[in-house]
N, C-alpha and C. Protein backbone atom coordinates (compact mmCIF):
# COMPACT_ATOMS: atom_id res chain seq x y z
N MET A 1 -9.27 -25.56 -68.71
CA MET A 1 -8.27 -25.71 -69.78
C MET A 1 -7.13 -25.55 -68.72
N SER A 2 -7.03 -25.19 -67.65
CA SER A 2 -5.91 -24.95 -66.42
C SER A 2 -5.34 -26.17 -66.68
N GLU A 3 -5.60 -27.17 -66.68
CA GLU A 3 -5.09 -28.47 -66.61
C GLU A 3 -4.39 -28.92 -67.46
N PHE A 4 -4.41 -28.32 -68.90
CA PHE A 4 -4.26 -28.81 -70.06
C PHE A 4 -3.19 -27.92 -70.55
N PHE A 5 -2.93 -26.45 -70.32
CA PHE A 5 -1.92 -25.47 -70.33
C PHE A 5 -1.67 -24.53 -69.04
N ASP A 6 -0.09 -24.18 -69.16
CA ASP A 6 0.11 -23.29 -68.17
C ASP A 6 0.12 -22.09 -68.75
N ALA A 7 0.35 -21.12 -68.16
CA ALA A 7 0.43 -19.44 -68.73
C ALA A 7 0.84 -19.09 -70.00
N THR A 8 2.37 -19.83 -69.63
CA THR A 8 3.39 -19.56 -70.92
C THR A 8 2.98 -20.26 -72.34
N GLN A 9 1.97 -20.97 -72.17
CA GLN A 9 1.17 -22.14 -73.44
C GLN A 9 0.37 -21.03 -73.63
N LEU A 10 -0.71 -20.68 -72.73
CA LEU A 10 -1.95 -19.81 -73.59
C LEU A 10 -1.45 -18.67 -73.78
N ALA A 11 -0.04 -18.25 -73.33
CA ALA A 11 0.26 -16.81 -73.62
C ALA A 11 0.60 -16.67 -75.43
N ILE A 12 1.36 -17.92 -75.61
CA ILE A 12 2.05 -18.51 -76.86
C ILE A 12 0.64 -18.01 -77.82
N ILE A 13 -0.30 -19.13 -77.48
CA ILE A 13 -1.61 -19.38 -78.35
C ILE A 13 -2.17 -18.22 -78.71
N ALA A 14 -2.59 -17.10 -77.30
CA ALA A 14 -3.24 -16.32 -77.58
C ALA A 14 -2.50 -14.93 -78.22
N GLY A 15 -1.21 -15.09 -78.19
CA GLY A 15 -0.13 -13.88 -78.68
C GLY A 15 -0.11 -14.52 -80.57
N VAL A 16 -0.38 -15.37 -81.04
CA VAL A 16 -0.33 -16.23 -82.32
C VAL A 16 -1.38 -16.04 -83.04
N LEU A 17 -2.87 -15.98 -82.22
CA LEU A 17 -4.17 -15.68 -82.59
C LEU A 17 -4.67 -14.36 -82.96
N ALA A 18 -3.89 -13.56 -81.59
CA ALA A 18 -3.88 -12.05 -81.36
C ALA A 18 -4.10 -11.22 -82.89
N PRO A 19 -3.30 -11.18 -83.54
CA PRO A 19 -2.95 -10.16 -84.57
C PRO A 19 -4.37 -9.87 -85.73
N PRO A 20 -5.51 -11.17 -85.89
CA PRO A 20 -6.27 -10.68 -86.27
C PRO A 20 -7.52 -10.00 -85.98
N PHE A 21 -7.17 -10.64 -84.77
CA PHE A 21 -8.20 -9.73 -83.64
C PHE A 21 -7.72 -8.15 -83.51
N ILE A 22 -6.59 -8.10 -83.38
CA ILE A 22 -6.23 -6.84 -83.00
C ILE A 22 -6.68 -5.94 -84.45
N SER A 23 -6.62 -6.50 -85.61
CA SER A 23 -6.57 -5.60 -87.15
C SER A 23 -8.58 -5.45 -87.30
N ILE A 24 -9.16 -6.03 -86.24
CA ILE A 24 -10.62 -5.58 -86.29
C ILE A 24 -10.62 -4.15 -85.90
N LEU A 25 -9.45 -4.00 -84.50
CA LEU A 25 -9.72 -2.44 -83.83
C LEU A 25 -9.04 -1.62 -84.88
N GLN A 26 -7.61 -1.78 -85.28
CA GLN A 26 -6.75 -1.39 -85.76
C GLN A 26 -7.84 -0.44 -87.12
N GLN A 27 -7.19 0.85 -87.73
CA GLN A 27 -7.64 2.06 -88.76
C GLN A 27 -6.10 1.88 -89.44
N PRO A 28 -5.98 1.97 -90.90
CA PRO A 28 -5.51 1.93 -91.70
C PRO A 28 -4.88 3.41 -91.49
N ARG A 29 -6.02 4.02 -91.56
CA ARG A 29 -4.98 6.09 -91.27
C ARG A 29 -4.42 6.47 -89.57
N TRP A 30 -4.45 5.31 -88.97
CA TRP A 30 -3.96 5.84 -88.05
C TRP A 30 -2.32 5.50 -88.14
N SER A 31 -1.44 6.24 -87.55
CA SER A 31 -0.25 6.49 -87.05
C SER A 31 0.60 5.24 -86.43
N ALA A 32 1.82 4.96 -86.87
CA ALA A 32 1.90 3.51 -86.55
C ALA A 32 2.33 3.72 -84.71
N ARG A 33 2.48 4.75 -84.49
CA ARG A 33 2.96 5.07 -83.27
C ARG A 33 1.33 4.83 -81.89
N VAL A 34 0.26 4.86 -82.82
CA VAL A 34 -0.95 5.08 -82.38
C VAL A 34 -1.18 3.21 -82.25
N ARG A 35 -1.12 2.50 -83.81
CA ARG A 35 -0.93 1.35 -83.59
C ARG A 35 -0.18 0.35 -82.70
N SER A 36 0.78 0.53 -82.66
CA SER A 36 1.80 0.01 -81.54
C SER A 36 0.90 -0.09 -79.88
N VAL A 37 0.30 0.72 -79.92
CA VAL A 37 -0.32 1.20 -78.45
C VAL A 37 -1.65 0.78 -78.65
N VAL A 38 -2.40 0.41 -79.51
CA VAL A 38 -3.19 -0.58 -79.70
C VAL A 38 -2.65 -1.98 -78.91
N THR A 39 -1.87 -2.32 -79.79
CA THR A 39 -1.02 -3.42 -79.86
C THR A 39 -0.89 -3.91 -78.38
N ILE A 40 -0.14 -3.02 -77.83
CA ILE A 40 0.66 -2.96 -76.39
C ILE A 40 -0.65 -3.70 -75.78
N VAL A 41 -1.37 -2.66 -75.33
CA VAL A 41 -2.86 -2.21 -74.74
C VAL A 41 -3.61 -3.91 -74.55
N VAL A 42 -3.88 -4.17 -75.62
CA VAL A 42 -4.52 -5.61 -76.26
C VAL A 42 -3.59 -6.75 -75.03
N ALA A 43 -1.98 -6.75 -75.68
CA ALA A 43 -1.14 -7.80 -75.15
C ALA A 43 -1.23 -7.74 -73.59
N VAL A 44 -1.23 -6.38 -72.86
CA VAL A 44 -1.49 -6.17 -71.34
C VAL A 44 -3.08 -6.52 -71.06
N VAL A 45 -3.92 -6.19 -71.83
CA VAL A 45 -5.55 -7.25 -71.42
C VAL A 45 -5.27 -8.60 -71.54
N VAL A 46 -5.05 -9.15 -72.81
CA VAL A 46 -4.97 -10.63 -72.79
C VAL A 46 -4.09 -11.25 -71.50
N GLY A 47 -2.85 -10.75 -71.65
CA GLY A 47 -2.08 -10.83 -70.57
C GLY A 47 -2.16 -11.42 -69.32
N VAL A 48 -3.37 -10.00 -69.02
CA VAL A 48 -3.35 -10.25 -67.81
C VAL A 48 -4.61 -11.10 -67.17
N VAL A 49 -5.07 -11.27 -68.22
CA VAL A 49 -6.04 -12.12 -68.28
C VAL A 49 -6.16 -13.71 -68.01
N ILE A 50 -5.06 -13.88 -68.88
CA ILE A 50 -4.42 -15.49 -68.55
C ILE A 50 -3.61 -15.49 -67.32
N ALA A 51 -2.82 -14.22 -67.02
CA ALA A 51 -2.17 -14.64 -65.84
C ALA A 51 -3.50 -14.67 -64.75
N ALA A 52 -4.57 -14.21 -64.59
CA ALA A 52 -5.55 -14.10 -63.47
C ALA A 52 -5.95 -15.64 -63.52
N SER A 53 -6.54 -16.18 -64.39
CA SER A 53 -7.33 -17.17 -64.73
C SER A 53 -6.26 -18.34 -64.81
N GLN A 54 -4.94 -18.35 -64.50
CA GLN A 54 -4.34 -19.02 -64.31
C GLN A 54 -3.58 -19.26 -62.53
N GLY A 55 -4.28 -18.14 -62.09
CA GLY A 55 -3.84 -17.91 -60.26
C GLY A 55 -3.10 -17.53 -60.31
N ALA A 56 -2.16 -16.78 -61.59
CA ALA A 56 -0.89 -15.97 -61.01
C ALA A 56 -0.86 -14.77 -61.35
N PHE A 57 -2.29 -14.04 -61.14
CA PHE A 57 -1.99 -12.24 -61.05
C PHE A 57 -1.16 -12.05 -59.54
N ASP A 58 -1.19 -12.65 -58.96
CA ASP A 58 -0.80 -12.28 -57.73
C ASP A 58 0.91 -12.42 -57.63
N THR A 59 1.27 -12.71 -58.64
CA THR A 59 3.15 -13.01 -58.71
C THR A 59 3.14 -11.42 -60.15
N PRO A 60 3.40 -10.86 -59.81
CA PRO A 60 4.02 -9.62 -60.44
C PRO A 60 5.13 -9.76 -61.64
N GLN A 61 6.17 -10.81 -61.47
CA GLN A 61 7.14 -11.48 -62.74
C GLN A 61 6.50 -12.34 -63.59
N LEU A 62 5.36 -13.25 -63.08
CA LEU A 62 4.36 -14.06 -64.03
C LEU A 62 3.74 -13.10 -64.73
N THR A 63 3.18 -12.06 -64.22
CA THR A 63 2.16 -11.75 -65.04
C THR A 63 2.80 -10.73 -66.23
N LEU A 64 3.81 -9.81 -65.72
CA LEU A 64 4.77 -9.30 -66.52
C LEU A 64 5.35 -10.50 -68.06
N ALA A 65 5.66 -11.14 -67.59
CA ALA A 65 6.02 -12.45 -68.45
C ALA A 65 5.56 -13.06 -69.07
N THR A 66 3.96 -12.88 -68.86
CA THR A 66 2.66 -13.65 -69.84
C THR A 66 2.59 -12.60 -70.36
N VAL A 67 2.44 -11.26 -70.30
CA VAL A 67 2.49 -9.99 -70.90
C VAL A 67 3.51 -10.29 -72.29
N ALA A 68 4.61 -10.11 -71.92
CA ALA A 68 5.30 -10.26 -72.86
C ALA A 68 5.50 -11.30 -73.51
N THR A 69 5.18 -12.37 -73.20
CA THR A 69 5.16 -13.39 -74.33
C THR A 69 4.27 -13.53 -75.49
N VAL A 70 2.73 -12.84 -74.43
CA VAL A 70 1.96 -12.25 -75.67
C VAL A 70 2.28 -11.53 -76.45
N LEU A 71 2.80 -10.64 -76.35
CA LEU A 71 3.29 -9.26 -77.22
C LEU A 71 3.97 -9.85 -78.30
N VAL A 72 5.27 -10.70 -78.09
CA VAL A 72 6.26 -10.81 -78.54
C VAL A 72 5.98 -12.10 -79.90
N ALA A 73 4.78 -13.09 -79.40
CA ALA A 73 3.73 -13.93 -80.04
C ALA A 73 3.34 -13.31 -81.41
N ALA A 74 2.50 -12.18 -80.69
CA ALA A 74 1.63 -11.21 -81.68
C ALA A 74 2.46 -10.78 -82.61
N GLN A 75 3.79 -9.98 -82.23
CA GLN A 75 4.65 -9.25 -83.10
C GLN A 75 5.13 -10.42 -84.33
N ALA A 76 5.95 -11.36 -83.55
CA ALA A 76 6.36 -12.47 -84.48
C ALA A 76 5.27 -13.00 -85.49
N THR A 77 4.12 -13.18 -85.49
CA THR A 77 3.57 -14.07 -86.16
C THR A 77 2.90 -12.66 -87.09
N TYR A 78 2.51 -11.94 -86.68
CA TYR A 78 1.92 -11.00 -87.25
C TYR A 78 3.24 -10.62 -88.59
N SER A 79 4.54 -10.58 -87.88
CA SER A 79 5.42 -10.27 -89.21
C SER A 79 5.56 -11.25 -90.17
N GLY A 80 5.60 -12.31 -89.37
CA GLY A 80 6.06 -13.65 -90.32
C GLY A 80 4.86 -14.40 -91.10
N LEU A 81 3.25 -14.23 -90.43
CA LEU A 81 2.74 -15.02 -90.93
C LEU A 81 1.25 -14.21 -91.63
N TRP A 82 0.49 -13.31 -90.91
CA TRP A 82 -0.61 -12.53 -90.85
C TRP A 82 -0.53 -12.05 -91.75
N LYS A 83 0.92 -10.89 -91.65
CA LYS A 83 0.78 -9.67 -92.61
C LYS A 83 0.73 -10.09 -94.00
N LYS A 84 2.44 -11.06 -94.04
CA LYS A 84 2.28 -11.55 -95.48
C LYS A 84 1.19 -12.50 -96.05
N LEU A 85 0.44 -12.89 -95.58
CA LEU A 85 -0.88 -13.41 -96.21
C LEU A 85 -1.49 -12.80 -96.57
N GLY A 86 -1.89 -11.58 -96.22
CA GLY A 86 -2.94 -10.36 -96.17
C GLY A 86 -3.99 -10.39 -95.57
N VAL A 87 -3.56 -11.32 -94.19
CA VAL A 87 -5.01 -11.71 -93.87
C VAL A 87 -5.25 -10.09 -92.71
N THR A 88 -4.37 -9.95 -91.98
CA THR A 88 -4.59 -8.35 -91.73
C THR A 88 -5.20 -7.18 -92.40
N SER A 89 -4.19 -7.12 -93.44
CA SER A 89 -5.02 -5.64 -94.15
C SER A 89 -6.46 -6.08 -94.71
N ALA A 90 -6.81 -7.45 -94.82
CA ALA A 90 -7.96 -7.70 -95.56
C ALA A 90 -9.21 -7.45 -94.17
N ILE A 91 -8.50 -7.97 -93.13
CA ILE A 91 -9.50 -7.59 -92.33
C ILE A 91 -9.77 -5.94 -91.62
N GLU A 92 -8.46 -5.30 -91.51
CA GLU A 92 -8.52 -3.80 -91.80
C GLU A 92 -9.52 -2.91 -92.64
N GLY A 93 -9.20 -3.25 -93.82
CA GLY A 93 -10.15 -3.17 -94.98
C GLY A 93 -11.76 -3.26 -94.85
N ALA A 94 -11.80 -4.32 -94.20
CA ALA A 94 -13.30 -4.61 -94.03
C ALA A 94 -13.97 -4.10 -92.95
N THR A 95 -13.23 -3.89 -91.49
CA THR A 95 -13.61 -3.20 -90.62
C THR A 95 -13.52 -1.72 -90.77
N SER A 96 -12.76 -1.17 -91.58
CA SER A 96 -12.71 0.34 -91.30
C SER A 96 -13.74 0.87 -92.16
N PRO A 97 -13.78 2.00 -91.86
CA PRO A 97 -14.82 2.69 -92.21
C PRO A 97 -14.03 3.42 -93.81
N SER A 98 -14.34 3.44 -94.89
CA SER A 98 -13.98 3.98 -95.99
C SER A 98 -14.24 5.44 -96.45
N SER A 99 -12.90 6.04 -96.96
CA SER A 99 -13.39 7.65 -97.36
C SER A 99 -14.44 8.16 -98.16
N SER A 100 -14.53 6.51 -99.06
CA SER A 100 -15.56 7.06 -100.47
C SER A 100 -16.77 7.05 -99.95
N GLN A 101 -17.05 6.24 -98.78
CA GLN A 101 -18.59 6.55 -97.73
C GLN A 101 -18.75 8.04 -97.94
N GLY A 102 -17.70 8.62 -97.00
CA GLY A 102 -17.57 10.34 -96.37
C GLY A 102 -18.02 10.95 -97.42
N ASP A 103 -17.55 10.55 -98.69
CA ASP A 103 -17.62 11.76 -99.65
C ASP A 103 -18.93 11.02 -100.08
N ARG A 104 -19.60 10.40 -100.59
CA ARG A 104 -20.63 10.28 -100.89
C ARG A 104 -21.50 11.04 -99.84
N ARG A 105 -21.64 10.61 -98.51
CA ARG A 105 -22.65 11.81 -97.95
C ARG A 105 -22.22 13.11 -97.87
N ALA A 106 -21.28 13.65 -98.18
CA ALA A 106 -21.18 14.90 -98.40
C ALA A 106 -21.84 15.72 -99.78
N ALA A 107 -22.15 14.76 -101.03
CA ALA A 107 -21.93 15.26 -102.02
C ALA A 107 -23.90 15.37 -102.17
């Protein structure tokens, strides 16, 4: 794939596609701070993997730019697309343990 896309292009693609996958990890009951940390950690991991796959891991500036591109693309498409369509909320709801299940077990 590296002959078709450079690190920036891959970072944009990954960032656009990341929010639904991040929603699998996120829990609705988590604070905004924890949710932000999860998003940043995912962006760092994805950005570093992309930089390494492109042979750019030795260049800290390119690695940082790749991580930042993933993060910005993920946040922009989350706010402008995925959240408005209800995709991320639906995924979080489907992949989060419900409190009603815990209530039934206690009864």
